[in-house]
Amino acid sequence: MKVMAMVHSLGALAEVEIIEHKDNNNVIAEYDGKRCTAVFNPFVGLYYVDDKYGVIS
């Protein structure tokens, strides 16, 4: 599913694709052609994607 998420390298919201959501702390997202780790914050309703240090090779 495509959602708006906070992207680490941008420091802003961008559209990302959620590939897998096992639980709030174990999420895989795809942004700019890279698969990355992410977390979901249910209090603000946002995914936080780490495309700097959380890139999955």
N, C-alpha and C. Protein backbone atom coordinates (compact mmCIF):
# COMPACT_ATOMS: atom_id res chain seq x y z
N MET A 1 0.84 -1.18 0.00
CA MET A 1 0.00 0.00 0.00
C MET A 1 0.88 1.24 0.00
N LYS A 2 0.44 2.27 -0.65
CA LYS A 2 1.19 3.52 -0.70
C LYS A 2 0.63 4.47 0.36
N VAL A 3 1.55 5.07 1.11
CA VAL A 3 1.17 5.99 2.19
C VAL A 3 2.14 7.16 2.22
N MET A 4 1.75 8.21 2.89
CA MET A 4 2.66 9.32 3.16
C MET A 4 3.42 8.97 4.43
N ALA A 5 4.74 9.13 4.40
CA ALA A 5 5.59 8.77 5.53
C ALA A 5 6.70 9.79 5.69
N MET A 6 7.22 9.88 6.90
CA MET A 6 8.37 10.74 7.17
C MET A 6 9.62 9.99 6.73
N VAL A 7 10.37 10.60 5.81
CA VAL A 7 11.57 9.96 5.25
C VAL A 7 12.80 10.62 5.87
N HIS A 8 13.71 9.80 6.40
CA HIS A 8 14.86 10.29 7.15
C HIS A 8 15.73 11.26 6.34
N SER A 9 16.08 10.90 5.10
CA SER A 9 16.99 11.75 4.33
C SER A 9 16.36 13.08 3.94
N LEU A 10 15.04 13.12 3.84
CA LEU A 10 14.35 14.36 3.47
C LEU A 10 14.01 15.22 4.68
N GLY A 11 13.71 14.55 5.79
CA GLY A 11 13.20 15.26 6.95
C GLY A 11 11.81 15.81 6.69
N ALA A 12 11.10 15.16 5.77
CA ALA A 12 9.77 15.62 5.37
C ALA A 12 8.95 14.42 4.92
N LEU A 13 7.67 14.69 4.68
CA LEU A 13 6.77 13.64 4.21
C LEU A 13 6.99 13.36 2.72
N ALA A 14 6.87 12.08 2.37
CA ALA A 14 6.94 11.67 0.97
C ALA A 14 6.12 10.40 0.83
N GLU A 15 5.74 10.08 -0.40
CA GLU A 15 4.97 8.87 -0.64
C GLU A 15 5.92 7.68 -0.69
N VAL A 16 5.61 6.65 0.09
CA VAL A 16 6.38 5.40 0.12
C VAL A 16 5.42 4.23 -0.03
N GLU A 17 5.98 3.08 -0.36
CA GLU A 17 5.17 1.87 -0.44
C GLU A 17 5.55 0.96 0.72
N ILE A 18 4.54 0.54 1.48
CA ILE A 18 4.76 -0.39 2.58
C ILE A 18 4.73 -1.80 2.01
N ILE A 19 5.84 -2.51 2.13
CA ILE A 19 5.95 -3.86 1.59
C ILE A 19 5.47 -4.90 2.61
N GLU A 20 5.88 -4.72 3.86
CA GLU A 20 5.54 -5.69 4.90
C GLU A 20 5.39 -4.97 6.23
N HIS A 21 4.33 -5.28 6.96
CA HIS A 21 4.07 -4.68 8.27
C HIS A 21 3.78 -5.83 9.24
N LYS A 22 4.84 -6.32 9.91
CA LYS A 22 4.66 -7.41 10.88
C LYS A 22 4.09 -6.86 12.18
N ASP A 23 4.68 -5.79 12.69
CA ASP A 23 4.17 -5.06 13.85
C ASP A 23 4.70 -3.64 13.74
N ASN A 24 4.37 -2.79 14.70
CA ASN A 24 4.73 -1.36 14.59
C ASN A 24 6.23 -1.10 14.51
N ASN A 25 7.05 -1.99 15.07
CA ASN A 25 8.49 -1.79 15.06
C ASN A 25 9.21 -2.63 14.02
N ASN A 26 8.47 -3.34 13.20
CA ASN A 26 9.06 -4.24 12.22
C ASN A 26 8.35 -4.07 10.88
N VAL A 27 8.75 -3.01 10.17
CA VAL A 27 8.11 -2.65 8.91
C VAL A 27 9.18 -2.54 7.82
N ILE A 28 8.83 -3.00 6.62
CA ILE A 28 9.71 -2.83 5.46
C ILE A 28 8.98 -1.94 4.47
N ALA A 29 9.67 -0.88 4.05
CA ALA A 29 9.09 0.08 3.11
C ALA A 29 10.01 0.24 1.92
N GLU A 30 9.45 0.72 0.81
CA GLU A 30 10.25 1.00 -0.37
C GLU A 30 10.12 2.47 -0.71
N TYR A 31 11.28 3.13 -0.83
CA TYR A 31 11.31 4.55 -1.19
C TYR A 31 12.46 4.78 -2.16
N ASP A 32 12.19 5.43 -3.24
CA ASP A 32 13.20 5.79 -4.23
C ASP A 32 13.96 4.57 -4.73
N GLY A 33 13.24 3.45 -4.91
CA GLY A 33 13.85 2.23 -5.42
C GLY A 33 14.66 1.44 -4.41
N LYS A 34 14.64 1.84 -3.13
CA LYS A 34 15.39 1.16 -2.08
C LYS A 34 14.42 0.57 -1.06
N ARG A 35 14.69 -0.64 -0.62
CA ARG A 35 13.93 -1.22 0.49
C ARG A 35 14.61 -0.82 1.79
N CYS A 36 13.79 -0.35 2.73
CA CYS A 36 14.33 0.22 3.97
C CYS A 36 13.53 -0.28 5.17
N THR A 37 14.15 -0.19 6.33
CA THR A 37 13.43 -0.46 7.57
C THR A 37 12.59 0.77 7.91
N ALA A 38 11.52 0.52 8.65
CA ALA A 38 10.63 1.60 9.06
C ALA A 38 9.93 1.20 10.35
N VAL A 39 9.35 2.18 11.00
CA VAL A 39 8.50 1.95 12.17
C VAL A 39 7.22 2.74 11.98
N PHE A 40 6.17 2.29 12.66
CA PHE A 40 4.89 2.99 12.62
C PHE A 40 4.58 3.55 13.99
N ASN A 41 4.28 4.84 14.05
CA ASN A 41 3.91 5.49 15.31
C ASN A 41 2.39 5.63 15.31
N PRO A 42 1.69 4.81 16.09
CA PRO A 42 0.23 4.85 16.09
C PRO A 42 -0.35 6.12 16.73
N PHE A 43 0.44 6.82 17.54
CA PHE A 43 -0.06 8.03 18.19
C PHE A 43 -0.23 9.19 17.22
N VAL A 44 0.64 9.25 16.21
CA VAL A 44 0.53 10.30 15.20
C VAL A 44 0.06 9.75 13.86
N GLY A 45 0.01 8.41 13.72
CA GLY A 45 -0.47 7.78 12.51
C GLY A 45 0.49 7.89 11.34
N LEU A 46 1.80 7.90 11.62
CA LEU A 46 2.80 8.04 10.56
C LEU A 46 3.81 6.92 10.59
N TYR A 47 4.26 6.56 9.41
CA TYR A 47 5.41 5.67 9.27
C TYR A 47 6.66 6.55 9.23
N TYR A 48 7.74 6.05 9.80
CA TYR A 48 9.04 6.72 9.76
C TYR A 48 10.01 5.78 9.05
N VAL A 49 10.48 6.18 7.87
CA VAL A 49 11.32 5.34 7.02
C VAL A 49 12.77 5.81 7.13
N ASP A 50 13.66 4.85 7.43
CA ASP A 50 15.09 5.17 7.53
C ASP A 50 15.81 4.76 6.25
N ASP A 51 15.91 5.71 5.32
CA ASP A 51 16.56 5.43 4.04
C ASP A 51 18.05 5.80 4.06
N LYS A 52 18.57 6.16 5.21
CA LYS A 52 20.01 6.42 5.36
C LYS A 52 20.73 5.20 5.91
N TYR A 53 20.31 4.77 7.11
CA TYR A 53 21.01 3.70 7.81
C TYR A 53 20.24 2.38 7.78
N GLY A 54 19.00 2.39 7.33
CA GLY A 54 18.18 1.19 7.34
C GLY A 54 17.94 0.57 5.99
N VAL A 55 18.86 0.79 5.03
CA VAL A 55 18.68 0.23 3.70
C VAL A 55 18.95 -1.27 3.75
N ILE A 56 18.03 -2.04 3.17
CA ILE A 56 18.15 -3.50 3.13
C ILE A 56 18.75 -3.87 1.79
N SER A 57 19.88 -4.59 1.82
CA SER A 57 20.52 -4.96 0.55
C SER A 57 19.99 -6.26 0.01
